[in-house]
C-alpha atoms as a PDB file:
ATOM      1  CA  ALA A   1      17.178   6.350   4.260  1.00  0.00           C
ATOM      2  CA  THR A   2      15.723   9.485   2.473  1.00  0.00           C
ATOM      3  CA  LEU A   3      12.585  11.221   3.308  1.00  0.00           C
ATOM      4  CA  THR A   4      10.317  11.772   0.326  1.00  0.00           C
ATOM      5  CA  ARG A   5       7.166  13.741   0.027  1.00  0.00           C
ATOM      6  CA  TRP A   6       3.829  11.716  -0.520  1.00  0.00           C
ATOM      7  CA  ALA A   7       3.143  13.241  -3.971  1.00  0.00           C
ATOM      8  CA  ALA A   8       6.739  12.680  -5.076  1.00  0.00           C
ATOM      9  CA  CYS A   9       6.659   9.238  -3.725  1.00  0.00           C
ATOM     10  CA  LEU A  10       3.602   8.369  -5.644  1.00  0.00           C
ATOM     11  CA  ALA A  11       4.822   9.416  -8.965  1.00  0.00           C
ATOM     12  CA  ALA A  12       8.537   8.231  -8.582  1.00  0.00           C
ATOM     13  CA  PRO A  13       9.468   6.629 -11.971  1.00  0.00           C
ATOM     14  CA  GLU A  14      11.864   4.086 -10.400  1.00  0.00           C
ATOM     15  CA  LEU A  15       9.155   2.421  -8.359  1.00  0.00           C
ATOM     16  CA  PRO A  16       8.133  -1.017  -9.381  1.00  0.00           C
ATOM     17  CA  PRO A  17       5.003  -1.544 -11.444  1.00  0.00           C
ATOM     18  CA  LEU A  18       3.119  -3.346  -8.667  1.00  0.00           C
ATOM     19  CA  ARG A  19       2.350  -0.547  -6.204  1.00  0.00           C
ATOM     20  CA  LEU A  20       0.004  -1.421  -3.166  1.00  0.00           C
ATOM     21  CA  LEU A  21      -1.468   1.000  -0.669  1.00  0.00           C
ATOM     22  CA  LEU A  22      -2.278  -0.829   2.650  1.00  0.00           C
ATOM     23  CA  HIS A  23      -5.597   0.966   3.373  1.00  0.00           C
ATOM     24  CA  PRO A  24      -8.809  -1.028   3.850  1.00  0.00           C
ATOM     25  CA  PRO A  25     -11.219  -0.620   0.816  1.00  0.00           C
ATOM     26  CA  ALA A  26     -14.779   0.135   1.240  1.00  0.00           C
ATOM     27  CA  GLU A  27     -16.812  -2.687   2.944  1.00  0.00           C
ATOM     28  CA  GLY A  28     -17.192  -5.459   0.762  1.00  0.00           C
ATOM     29  CA  ALA A  29     -15.072  -4.039  -2.110  1.00  0.00           C
ATOM     30  CA  GLY A  30     -11.476  -4.099  -3.189  1.00  0.00           C
ATOM     31  CA  LYS A  31      -8.686  -6.601  -3.032  1.00  0.00           C
ATOM     32  CA  ALA A  32      -6.699  -8.312  -0.359  1.00  0.00           C
ATOM     33  CA  LEU A  33      -2.847  -8.361  -0.115  1.00  0.00           C
ATOM     34  CA  THR A  34      -3.033 -12.187  -0.562  1.00  0.00           C
ATOM     35  CA  ASP A  35      -4.456 -11.511  -4.060  1.00  0.00           C
ATOM     36  CA  PHE A  36      -0.929 -10.381  -5.277  1.00  0.00           C
ATOM     37  CA  GLU A  37       2.523 -11.845  -5.792  1.00  0.00           C
ATOM     38  CA  PRO A  38       5.485  -9.837  -6.750  1.00  0.00           C
ATOM     39  CA  GLY A  39       6.345 -10.076 -10.367  1.00  0.00           C
ATOM     40  CA  ALA A  40       9.839  -9.825 -12.057  1.00  0.00           C
ATOM     41  CA  GLY A  41       9.664  -6.020 -11.493  1.00  0.00           C
ATOM     42  CA  GLY A  42       9.207  -6.147  -7.683  1.00  0.00           C
ATOM     43  CA  VAL A  43       6.560  -4.656  -5.362  1.00  0.00           C
ATOM     44  CA  VAL A  44       6.249  -1.609  -3.219  1.00  0.00           C
ATOM     45  CA  VAL A  45       3.872  -1.424  -0.331  1.00  0.00           C
ATOM     46  CA  ALA A  46       2.977   1.881   1.405  1.00  0.00           C
ATOM     47  CA  VAL A  47       1.710   1.547   4.974  1.00  0.00           C
ATOM     48  CA  GLY A  48       0.060   4.610   6.535  1.00  0.00           C
ATOM     49  CA  PRO A  49       0.367   6.072   9.877  1.00  0.00           C
ATOM     50  CA  GLU A  50      -1.784   5.091  12.919  1.00  0.00           C
ATOM     51  CA  GLY A  51      -5.272   6.131  12.034  1.00  0.00           C
ATOM     52  CA  GLY A  52      -4.537   5.425   8.375  1.00  0.00           C
ATOM     53  CA  PHE A  53      -4.099   7.523   5.235  1.00  0.00           C
ATOM     54  CA  ALA A  54      -6.082  10.661   4.822  1.00  0.00           C
ATOM     55  CA  PRO A  55      -8.804  10.566   2.187  1.00  0.00           C
ATOM     56  CA  ALA A  56      -6.880  12.792  -0.112  1.00  0.00           C
ATOM     57  CA  GLU A  57      -3.787  10.672   0.291  1.00  0.00           C
ATOM     58  CA  VAL A  58      -5.769   7.568  -0.746  1.00  0.00           C
ATOM     59  CA  ASP A  59      -7.388   9.501  -3.733  1.00  0.00           C
ATOM     60  CA  ALA A  60      -3.852  10.739  -4.922  1.00  0.00           C
ATOM     61  CA  ALA A  61      -2.407   7.181  -4.614  1.00  0.00           C
ATOM     62  CA  GLU A  62      -5.260   5.555  -6.524  1.00  0.00           C
ATOM     63  CA  ALA A  63      -4.996   8.324  -9.238  1.00  0.00           C
ATOM     64  CA  ALA A  64      -1.368   7.493  -9.675  1.00  0.00           C
ATOM     65  CA  GLY A  65      -2.109   3.771 -10.181  1.00  0.00           C
ATOM     66  CA  TRP A  66      -1.580   2.466  -6.759  1.00  0.00           C
ATOM     67  CA  VAL A  67      -3.955  -0.390  -5.698  1.00  0.00           C
ATOM     68  CA  ARG A  68      -5.708  -0.111  -2.421  1.00  0.00           C
ATOM     69  CA  VAL A  69      -5.601  -3.448  -0.500  1.00  0.00           C
ATOM     70  CA  ALA A  70      -6.370  -4.839   2.950  1.00  0.00           C
ATOM     71  CA  LEU A  71      -4.627  -7.436   4.967  1.00  0.00           C
ATOM     72  CA  GLY A  72      -7.847  -8.935   6.209  1.00  0.00           C
ATOM     73  CA  PRO A  73     -10.805  -8.346   8.428  1.00  0.00           C
ATOM     74  CA  ARG A  74      -8.828  -6.728  11.271  1.00  0.00           C
ATOM     75  CA  VAL A  75      -7.007  -3.393  11.391  1.00  0.00           C
ATOM     76  CA  LEU A  76      -3.430  -3.891  12.423  1.00  0.00           C
ATOM     77  CA  ARG A  77      -1.129  -1.477  14.109  1.00  0.00           C
ATOM     78  CA  VAL A  78       1.303   0.229  11.722  1.00  0.00           C
ATOM     79  CA  GLU A  79       4.300  -1.733  12.715  1.00  0.00           C
ATOM     80  CA  THR A  80       2.488  -5.055  12.608  1.00  0.00           C
ATOM     81  CA  ALA A  81       0.971  -4.250   9.078  1.00  0.00           C
ATOM     82  CA  ALA A  82       4.422  -3.576   7.718  1.00  0.00           C
ATOM     83  CA  VAL A  83       5.971  -6.742   8.890  1.00  0.00           C
ATOM     84  CA  ALA A  84       2.763  -8.775   7.617  1.00  0.00           C
ATOM     85  CA  ALA A  85       3.121  -7.128   4.207  1.00  0.00           C
ATOM     86  CA  ALA A  86       6.955  -7.899   4.111  1.00  0.00           C
ATOM     87  CA  ALA A  87       6.384 -11.435   5.201  1.00  0.00           C
ATOM     88  CA  TRP A  88       3.948 -12.021   2.472  1.00  0.00           C
ATOM     89  CA  PHE A  89       6.300 -10.916  -0.341  1.00  0.00           C
ATOM     90  CA  ALA A  90       9.455 -12.542   1.191  1.00  0.00           C
END
């Protein structure tokens, strides 16, 4: 595995067209992970650290075309959220 800075990751040209940011949208707005299915080009899901992404990180991701999604009404630990997202697209 290679470590990549957040800004470089967001703009990486080799990423699939479906890019999802697991970060709960504003109350009553946004999309759920279950609204998506991987297309022929695949999917990449970013899962933030404990406490979530910083507001500037979320803004940068959305500006780069990432879609902010939630897993549901509960906030999961980072290791659980990653497994739940992987299971959805498996």
